[in-house]
Protein backbone atom coordinates (compact mmCIF):
# COMPACT_ATOMS: atom_id res chain seq x y z
CA UNK A 1 15.74 -6.91 42.27
CA UNK A 2 15.84 -4.97 39.25
CA UNK A 3 12.47 -3.09 38.61
CA UNK A 4 11.06 -2.91 34.71
CA UNK A 5 9.61 0.65 33.76
CA UNK A 6 5.82 0.25 35.00
CA UNK A 7 7.07 -1.00 38.32
CA UNK A 8 9.37 2.44 38.57
CA UNK A 9 6.72 4.37 37.55
CA UNK A 10 4.24 2.70 40.38
CA UNK A 11 6.86 3.12 43.00
CA UNK A 12 7.37 6.85 42.37
CA UNK A 13 4.05 7.24 42.32
CA UNK A 14 3.61 5.55 45.99
CA UNK A 15 6.65 7.47 47.69
CA UNK A 16 5.08 10.81 46.03
CA UNK A 17 1.63 9.42 47.57
CA UNK A 18 3.05 8.81 50.76
CA UNK A 19 4.88 12.05 50.87
CA UNK A 20 1.48 13.35 50.82
CA UNK A 21 -0.25 11.46 53.18
CA UNK A 22 2.76 12.29 55.52
CA UNK A 23 2.66 15.78 55.31
CA UNK A 24 -1.03 15.75 55.96
CA UNK A 25 -0.78 13.58 58.73
CA UNK A 26 1.90 15.83 60.42
CA UNK A 27 0.16 18.91 58.83
CA UNK A 28 0.30 20.81 62.06
CA UNK A 29 3.41 19.58 63.60
CA UNK A 30 7.21 21.21 63.89
CA UNK A 31 8.10 18.87 60.99
CA UNK A 32 6.01 20.89 58.30
CA UNK A 33 5.95 24.30 60.28
CA UNK A 34 9.08 25.54 58.82
CA UNK A 35 7.94 24.81 55.20
CA UNK A 36 4.46 26.36 55.64
CA UNK A 37 6.45 29.66 56.18
CA UNK A 38 8.53 29.13 53.75
CA UNK A 39 5.40 28.61 51.39
CA UNK A 40 4.05 32.15 53.10
CA UNK A 41 7.21 34.00 51.89
CA UNK A 42 7.36 32.81 48.63
CA UNK A 43 3.64 33.90 48.39
CA UNK A 44 4.23 37.43 49.59
CA UNK A 45 7.34 37.60 47.52
CA UNK A 46 5.50 36.48 44.20
CA UNK A 47 3.04 39.45 45.23
CA UNK A 48 6.38 41.57 45.34
CA UNK A 49 7.90 40.32 41.94
CA UNK A 50 4.38 41.17 40.25
CA UNK A 51 4.86 44.70 41.33
CA UNK A 52 7.98 45.12 39.71
CA UNK A 53 7.47 43.60 36.72
CA UNK A 54 4.25 45.77 36.42
CA UNK A 55 5.86 48.93 37.56
CA UNK A 56 5.42 49.38 41.07
CA UNK A 57 7.64 48.95 43.92
CA UNK A 58 7.87 46.99 47.00
CA UNK A 59 7.98 48.92 50.46
CA UNK A 60 8.37 46.15 52.78
CA UNK A 61 7.73 42.84 52.93
CA UNK A 62 6.81 40.81 56.73
CA UNK A 63 5.81 37.44 57.96
CA UNK A 64 5.16 36.20 61.31
CA UNK A 65 5.12 33.10 63.04
CA UNK A 66 1.15 32.37 62.97
CA UNK A 67 1.74 32.28 58.82
CA UNK A 68 0.05 35.70 58.08
CA UNK A 69 2.26 37.64 55.87
CA UNK A 70 1.97 41.16 53.96
CA UNK A 71 3.82 42.95 51.46
CA UNK A 72 3.27 46.71 51.01
CA UNK A 73 3.36 47.66 47.54
CA UNK A 74 3.31 50.87 46.06
CA UNK A 75 2.07 51.05 42.26
CA UNK A 76 1.87 48.18 39.74
CA UNK A 77 -1.17 46.51 38.14
CA UNK A 78 -3.64 45.70 41.39
CA UNK A 79 -4.99 42.39 39.34
CA UNK A 80 -1.55 40.92 38.58
CA UNK A 81 -0.20 41.49 41.92
CA UNK A 82 -3.15 39.99 43.70
CA UNK A 83 -3.70 37.06 41.28
CA UNK A 84 0.25 36.75 42.06
CA UNK A 85 0.38 35.09 45.47
CA UNK A 86 -1.65 31.79 44.62
CA UNK A 87 -0.26 31.50 41.42
CA UNK A 88 3.20 32.01 42.40
CA UNK A 89 2.57 29.41 45.26
CA UNK A 90 1.76 26.89 42.74
CA UNK A 91 4.50 27.78 40.40
CA UNK A 92 7.12 27.87 42.57
CA UNK A 93 6.10 24.38 44.13
CA UNK A 94 5.84 23.00 40.72
CA UNK A 95 9.02 24.46 39.69
CA UNK A 96 10.69 22.68 42.78
CA UNK A 97 8.97 19.76 42.16
CA UNK A 98 9.84 19.32 38.72
CA UNK A 99 13.76 20.20 39.55
CA UNK A 100 13.97 17.22 41.41
CA UNK A 101 13.83 15.12 38.65
CA UNK A 102 16.70 16.49 36.75
CA UNK A 103 19.97 17.19 38.66
CA UNK A 104 20.74 20.16 36.60
CA UNK A 105 17.60 21.72 36.73
CA UNK A 106 17.72 21.47 40.21
CA UNK A 107 20.87 23.54 40.46
CA UNK A 108 19.32 26.14 38.32
CA UNK A 109 16.09 26.14 40.30
CA UNK A 110 17.65 26.25 43.91
CA UNK A 111 20.14 29.05 42.86
CA UNK A 112 17.52 31.00 41.31
CA UNK A 113 15.00 31.06 44.41
CA UNK A 114 18.15 31.23 46.92
CA UNK A 115 19.22 34.61 44.92
CA UNK A 116 15.77 36.04 44.87
CA UNK A 117 15.48 35.21 48.91
CA UNK A 118 18.78 37.09 49.06
CA UNK A 119 17.53 40.11 47.24
CA UNK A 120 14.65 40.65 48.99
CA UNK A 121 15.99 40.00 52.27
CA UNK A 122 18.45 42.55 51.63
CA UNK A 123 16.02 44.99 50.31
CA UNK A 124 12.46 44.69 51.87
CA UNK A 125 12.31 42.12 54.31
CA UNK A 126 11.29 43.11 58.19
CA UNK A 127 11.15 41.21 61.19
CA UNK A 128 13.26 38.63 62.43
CA UNK A 129 11.10 35.87 61.56
CA UNK A 130 11.36 36.68 57.58
CA UNK A 131 15.16 37.27 57.90
CA UNK A 132 15.97 33.97 59.70
CA UNK A 133 13.80 31.73 57.57
CA UNK A 134 15.50 33.18 54.38
CA UNK A 135 18.73 32.59 55.91
CA UNK A 136 18.15 29.20 56.44
CA UNK A 137 16.16 28.58 53.24
CA UNK A 138 19.16 29.91 51.47
CA UNK A 139 21.33 27.72 53.15
CA UNK A 140 19.48 24.78 52.85
CA UNK A 141 18.69 25.25 48.93
CA UNK A 142 22.48 25.95 48.43
CA UNK A 143 23.66 22.69 50.36
CA UNK A 144 21.10 20.69 48.80
CA UNK A 145 22.03 20.08 45.51
CA UNK A 146 25.73 20.58 45.81
CA UNK A 147 26.64 18.45 48.77
CA UNK A 148 23.78 16.04 49.40
CA UNK A 149 23.31 12.74 47.68
CA UNK A 150 21.34 12.87 44.51
CA UNK A 151 18.15 10.97 45.94
CA UNK A 152 18.64 12.90 48.99
CA UNK A 153 18.42 15.80 47.00
CA UNK A 154 15.78 15.06 44.73
CA UNK A 155 13.13 14.20 47.51
CA UNK A 156 14.18 17.30 49.40
CA UNK A 157 13.10 19.44 46.50
CA UNK A 158 9.74 17.43 45.53
CA UNK A 159 8.94 17.17 49.33
CA UNK A 160 9.53 21.16 49.12
CA UNK A 161 7.34 21.70 46.01
CA UNK A 162 4.37 19.27 46.75
CA UNK A 163 3.90 20.68 50.22
CA UNK A 164 4.32 23.96 48.55
CA UNK A 165 1.61 22.95 46.32
CA UNK A 166 -0.83 21.67 48.79
CA UNK A 167 -0.47 24.44 51.02
CA UNK A 168 -1.58 26.78 48.26
CA UNK A 169 -4.35 24.87 47.55
CA UNK A 170 -5.56 24.82 51.10
CA UNK A 171 -4.73 28.71 51.78
CA UNK A 172 -7.29 29.54 48.77
CA UNK A 173 -9.59 26.73 50.70
CA UNK A 174 -9.61 29.01 53.97
CA UNK A 175 -9.46 32.35 52.27
CA UNK A 176 -12.73 31.32 50.34
CA UNK A 177 -14.63 29.19 52.57
CA UNK A 178 -13.02 28.95 56.12
CA UNK A 179 -12.24 32.37 56.64
CA UNK A 180 -14.40 34.40 54.40
CA UNK A 181 -14.34 37.55 57.11
CA UNK A 182 -10.72 38.27 56.39
CA UNK A 183 -9.04 40.17 53.49
CA UNK A 184 -7.98 37.63 51.30
CA UNK A 185 -6.57 37.93 47.86
CA UNK A 186 -9.53 36.40 46.17
CA UNK A 187 -11.71 39.20 48.15
CA UNK A 188 -8.94 41.83 46.51
CA UNK A 189 -9.48 40.10 43.09
CA UNK A 190 -13.31 40.53 42.97
CA UNK A 191 -13.27 44.07 44.74
CA UNK A 192 -10.76 44.93 41.20
CA UNK A 193 -13.17 43.14 38.63
CA UNK A 194 -16.62 43.65 40.70
CA UNK A 195 -17.48 40.20 41.19
CA UNK A 196 -18.01 37.51 44.00
CA UNK A 197 -14.93 36.32 45.75
CA UNK A 198 -16.36 32.79 45.34
CA UNK A 199 -15.83 32.95 41.81
CA UNK A 200 -12.23 33.61 41.97
CA UNK A 201 -11.84 31.46 44.52
CA UNK A 202 -13.44 28.08 43.04
CA UNK A 203 -11.34 29.13 39.79
CA UNK A 204 -7.94 28.83 42.15
CA UNK A 205 -9.28 25.83 43.43
CA UNK A 206 -9.77 24.58 40.07
CA UNK A 207 -6.61 25.78 38.98
CA UNK A 208 -4.63 24.31 42.17
CA UNK A 209 -6.38 21.40 41.65
CA UNK A 210 -5.30 20.66 37.93
CA UNK A 211 -1.49 21.61 38.88
CA UNK A 212 -1.38 19.05 41.48
CA UNK A 213 -3.24 16.43 39.15
CA UNK A 214 0.01 17.00 36.20
CA UNK A 215 2.65 16.89 39.37
CA UNK A 216 1.63 13.42 40.26
CA UNK A 217 0.94 12.49 36.46
CA UNK A 218 4.95 14.17 35.87
CA UNK A 219 5.67 11.90 38.89
CA UNK A 220 3.99 8.92 37.39
CA UNK A 221 5.82 9.46 33.72
CA UNK A 222 9.35 10.08 34.96
CA UNK A 223 9.17 6.99 37.39
CA UNK A 224 11.84 6.06 40.23
CA UNK A 225 15.25 6.89 40.10
CA UNK A 226 17.74 5.63 42.78
């Protein structure tokens, strides 16, 4: 049965919503766990990129199996570097999600992220977890648009992107609400600006909510393509 434009839009929205529910249902399972590690890695890499862009340098980057990460940095703009973690997770996720709707863009997005992963792995990442994870996702991102069927590549990127965006949302919530005693990006930004962490946490929650809303709207506007 051939679907009309409106039906395709609702079908795509249903599929994306289904991916979201599956992700939350299996949030603490081994299925989602590698993606969470991947998001943590992108989060720390975003700190590193912000440091390099603002005139600083990355000393080392490490992530662990408990979904913790640390990017040691010298110099650079502290506000930009601290903000880059949350913003980076959201932007990388959005970049992957949107590229799932355009094959040519997906070639560029996967290549860019793969190259960044390779450069950080070769120069800054320490510890076996970060190195092994980088190798795995470099391979996945290289293979997906080039050797997998287009519809499969599309939903791999959409799933990675959507889960990345939602993980950023949950990470912000935990930093501000659930685990306020730990040193978080929101606390660092608050110290730099002499404000309360909850202000920045709520701001980033609002930003992440808006971005996730527009990702769903983008999915609806584009519709399903087999």
